[in-house]
């Protein structure tokens, strides 16, 4: 699963259309490609902050690990920031065992409580939040008079993935504003840089 934020020349350089038409093909392409790639790099950097500001209580390192950038070229005047990955183990959302059988996590500006839950590290080294589900069945056949039960199934809990976070309305709005504010200056600077003196 992947969520793309794409910047197309026609969406962002209308203000400079006349100026671009006066440039040579070589200068126009170089300036546009450079501006797009610099803009995408800024969006990738700011996406982590925007996602956390929207309430996804994740470490920046986890978010950045699932963000990548597809650079623009002269033959493809589009730069993209891409989020990949499935849902994220809920353990990464500040999970903590608050009492026996209760785990609390922080997702989207609020804490959620899982009952019949516990935090454990598997033999593989993977740590997660696990919840006992299904009906309880007797779990101590050797001592039938002793009250002891177990659950039929245990499952790990997961939270929103980075593609979901990147598609969040608040995140999209913040990054769109960034592009609107920064791209005109970027393209103007790149035109100046690549225009022969």
Protein backbone atom coordinates (compact mmCIF):
# COMPACT_ATOMS: atom_id res chain seq x y z
CA UNK A 1 0.00 0.00 0.00
CA UNK A 2 1.33 3.45 -0.88
CA UNK A 3 0.06 7.00 -0.74
CA UNK A 4 1.55 9.55 -3.14
CA UNK A 5 1.69 13.30 -2.91
CA UNK A 6 2.44 14.44 -6.46
CA UNK A 7 3.51 17.85 -7.70
CA UNK A 8 2.92 18.60 -11.35
CA UNK A 9 4.37 21.54 -13.19
CA UNK A 10 1.00 22.67 -14.54
CA UNK A 11 -0.38 22.81 -11.00
CA UNK A 12 2.34 24.98 -9.53
CA UNK A 13 4.09 27.19 -12.12
CA UNK A 14 1.21 29.04 -13.76
CA UNK A 15 2.62 32.21 -12.23
CA UNK A 16 5.85 31.68 -14.19
CA UNK A 17 4.37 30.32 -17.43
CA UNK A 18 5.24 33.39 -19.50
CA UNK A 19 8.77 33.54 -18.12
CA UNK A 20 9.31 29.83 -18.73
CA UNK A 21 8.22 30.14 -22.35
CA UNK A 22 10.96 32.71 -22.92
CA UNK A 23 13.65 30.32 -21.72
CA UNK A 24 15.50 27.78 -23.79
CA UNK A 25 14.28 24.20 -23.46
CA UNK A 26 17.46 23.25 -21.63
CA UNK A 27 17.21 26.01 -19.02
CA UNK A 28 13.46 25.52 -18.57
CA UNK A 29 13.78 21.78 -17.99
CA UNK A 30 16.75 22.08 -15.64
CA UNK A 31 15.10 24.80 -13.55
CA UNK A 32 11.79 22.96 -13.36
CA UNK A 33 13.31 19.59 -12.49
CA UNK A 34 15.55 21.11 -9.83
CA UNK A 35 12.70 23.10 -8.26
CA UNK A 36 10.40 20.08 -8.20
CA UNK A 37 12.99 17.88 -6.55
CA UNK A 38 13.87 20.49 -3.94
CA UNK A 39 10.18 20.95 -3.20
CA UNK A 40 9.64 17.21 -2.82
CA UNK A 41 12.62 16.99 -0.46
CA UNK A 42 11.08 19.71 1.73
CA UNK A 43 7.71 17.96 1.71
CA UNK A 44 9.32 14.68 2.73
CA UNK A 45 11.06 16.42 5.64
CA UNK A 46 7.93 18.26 6.75
CA UNK A 47 5.63 15.23 6.33
CA UNK A 48 7.00 13.66 9.50
CA UNK A 49 6.21 16.79 11.52
CA UNK A 50 2.77 17.19 9.91
CA UNK A 51 1.86 13.59 10.71
CA UNK A 52 2.90 13.99 14.35
CA UNK A 53 1.16 17.38 14.60
CA UNK A 54 -2.05 15.70 13.37
CA UNK A 55 -1.96 13.46 16.43
CA UNK A 56 -0.21 10.32 15.20
CA UNK A 57 1.91 9.73 18.26
CA UNK A 58 4.86 8.08 16.53
CA UNK A 59 8.59 8.66 16.65
CA UNK A 60 9.97 10.61 13.70
CA UNK A 61 12.33 7.73 12.87
CA UNK A 62 9.40 5.35 12.34
CA UNK A 63 7.63 7.79 10.02
CA UNK A 64 10.72 8.69 7.99
CA UNK A 65 11.57 5.03 7.46
CA UNK A 66 8.35 4.62 5.45
CA UNK A 67 8.66 7.79 3.37
CA UNK A 68 10.53 7.93 0.08
CA UNK A 69 10.86 10.31 -2.84
CA UNK A 70 10.58 9.76 -6.59
CA UNK A 71 12.57 12.46 -8.31
CA UNK A 72 11.47 14.44 -11.35
CA UNK A 73 13.41 14.15 -14.59
CA UNK A 74 13.42 16.09 -17.86
CA UNK A 75 11.16 13.43 -19.37
CA UNK A 76 8.87 13.25 -16.32
CA UNK A 77 8.20 16.64 -14.80
CA UNK A 78 6.64 15.24 -11.67
CA UNK A 79 8.15 14.72 -8.23
CA UNK A 80 6.47 12.48 -5.69
CA UNK A 81 6.65 11.80 -1.98
CA UNK A 82 5.56 8.24 -1.31
CA UNK A 83 4.46 6.54 1.91
CA UNK A 84 4.65 2.77 2.00
CA UNK A 85 3.91 0.09 4.55
CA UNK A 86 0.93 -1.55 6.14
CA UNK A 87 -0.58 -0.89 9.54
CA UNK A 88 1.90 -0.27 12.37
CA UNK A 89 2.02 -2.40 15.53
CA UNK A 90 0.14 -0.47 18.21
CA UNK A 91 3.12 -0.90 20.57
CA UNK A 92 4.73 2.06 18.74
CA UNK A 93 1.85 4.35 19.73
CA UNK A 94 3.22 4.94 23.25
CA UNK A 95 1.72 1.71 24.56
CA UNK A 96 1.93 1.06 28.28
CA UNK A 97 0.54 -1.55 30.62
CA UNK A 98 -1.61 0.47 33.02
CA UNK A 99 -2.85 -2.45 35.09
CA UNK A 100 -3.20 -6.20 34.86
CA UNK A 101 -4.99 -7.00 31.61
CA UNK A 102 -5.18 -3.36 30.48
CA UNK A 103 -2.94 -1.62 27.92
CA UNK A 104 -3.25 2.06 27.04
CA UNK A 105 -2.07 3.60 23.74
CA UNK A 106 -2.08 7.12 22.29
CA UNK A 107 -3.46 7.51 18.76
CA UNK A 108 -4.83 10.66 17.11
CA UNK A 109 -4.75 12.96 20.14
CA UNK A 110 -6.44 10.55 22.50
CA UNK A 111 -5.68 7.48 24.54
CA UNK A 112 -7.36 4.18 23.81
CA UNK A 113 -7.60 1.29 26.24
CA UNK A 114 -7.38 -2.39 25.33
CA UNK A 115 -8.80 -4.84 27.85
CA UNK A 116 -7.64 -8.45 28.23
CA UNK A 117 -4.36 -7.14 26.82
CA UNK A 118 -0.68 -7.42 27.64
CA UNK A 119 2.69 -6.33 26.29
CA UNK A 120 5.07 -9.15 25.44
CA UNK A 121 8.23 -9.91 23.50
CA UNK A 122 8.06 -12.92 21.19
CA UNK A 123 10.91 -15.45 20.82
CA UNK A 124 11.77 -13.70 17.53
CA UNK A 125 12.45 -10.51 19.48
CA UNK A 126 9.32 -8.75 18.20
CA UNK A 127 7.56 -6.75 20.91
CA UNK A 128 3.87 -6.00 20.67
CA UNK A 129 0.51 -5.48 22.32
CA UNK A 130 -1.53 -8.67 22.38
CA UNK A 131 -5.18 -9.16 23.24
CA UNK A 132 -6.88 -12.34 24.41
CA UNK A 133 -9.96 -12.96 22.28
CA UNK A 134 -12.64 -15.61 21.93
CA UNK A 135 -14.41 -17.55 24.68
CA UNK A 136 -12.53 -18.67 27.77
CA UNK A 137 -12.03 -22.40 28.21
CA UNK A 138 -10.80 -24.43 31.20
CA UNK A 139 -7.04 -24.31 31.32
CA UNK A 140 -6.08 -26.53 34.25
CA UNK A 141 -7.30 -30.06 33.66
CA UNK A 142 -4.80 -31.48 36.16
CA UNK A 143 -6.52 -29.59 38.99
CA UNK A 144 -10.22 -29.38 38.04
CA UNK A 145 -11.21 -27.88 41.38
CA UNK A 146 -8.87 -24.95 40.90
CA UNK A 147 -10.37 -21.99 39.02
CA UNK A 148 -8.15 -21.37 36.01
CA UNK A 149 -9.10 -20.30 32.49
CA UNK A 150 -7.39 -19.55 29.22
CA UNK A 151 -8.49 -17.94 25.99
CA UNK A 152 -8.72 -19.77 22.69
CA UNK A 153 -6.86 -17.09 20.71
CA UNK A 154 -4.39 -14.23 21.12
CA UNK A 155 -3.97 -11.53 18.47
CA UNK A 156 -1.64 -8.56 18.07
CA UNK A 157 -3.16 -5.07 17.77
CA UNK A 158 -2.16 -2.60 15.06
CA UNK A 159 -2.66 1.14 14.50
CA UNK A 160 -2.84 3.39 11.41
CA UNK A 161 -0.05 3.05 8.87
CA UNK A 162 1.94 5.91 7.36
CA UNK A 163 -0.04 5.85 4.07
CA UNK A 164 -3.21 6.41 6.10
CA UNK A 165 -1.53 9.21 8.05
CA UNK A 166 -0.27 10.90 4.88
CA UNK A 167 -3.81 10.85 3.47
CA UNK A 168 -5.17 12.47 6.65
CA UNK A 169 -6.99 15.72 5.81
CA UNK A 170 -4.95 17.83 8.23
CA UNK A 171 -1.66 16.39 6.97
CA UNK A 172 -2.61 16.92 3.33
CA UNK A 173 -3.68 20.50 4.05
CA UNK A 174 -0.42 21.30 5.83
CA UNK A 175 1.71 19.93 3.00
CA UNK A 176 -0.40 21.59 0.32
CA UNK A 177 0.10 24.94 2.08
CA UNK A 178 3.84 24.28 2.21
CA UNK A 179 3.96 23.75 -1.55
CA UNK A 180 1.86 26.83 -2.27
CA UNK A 181 4.10 28.97 -0.06
CA UNK A 182 7.51 27.62 -1.07
CA UNK A 183 7.32 26.47 -4.67
CA UNK A 184 7.06 29.92 -6.34
CA UNK A 185 10.28 31.03 -4.65
CA UNK A 186 12.02 27.77 -5.53
CA UNK A 187 11.18 27.93 -9.22
CA UNK A 188 12.15 31.62 -9.40
CA UNK A 189 15.52 30.89 -7.79
CA UNK A 190 16.20 27.93 -10.08
CA UNK A 191 15.33 29.96 -13.19
CA UNK A 192 17.80 32.61 -12.06
CA UNK A 193 20.46 30.00 -11.31
CA UNK A 194 20.23 28.17 -14.66
CA UNK A 195 19.80 31.26 -16.88
CA UNK A 196 23.12 32.08 -18.58
CA UNK A 197 24.71 35.19 -17.15
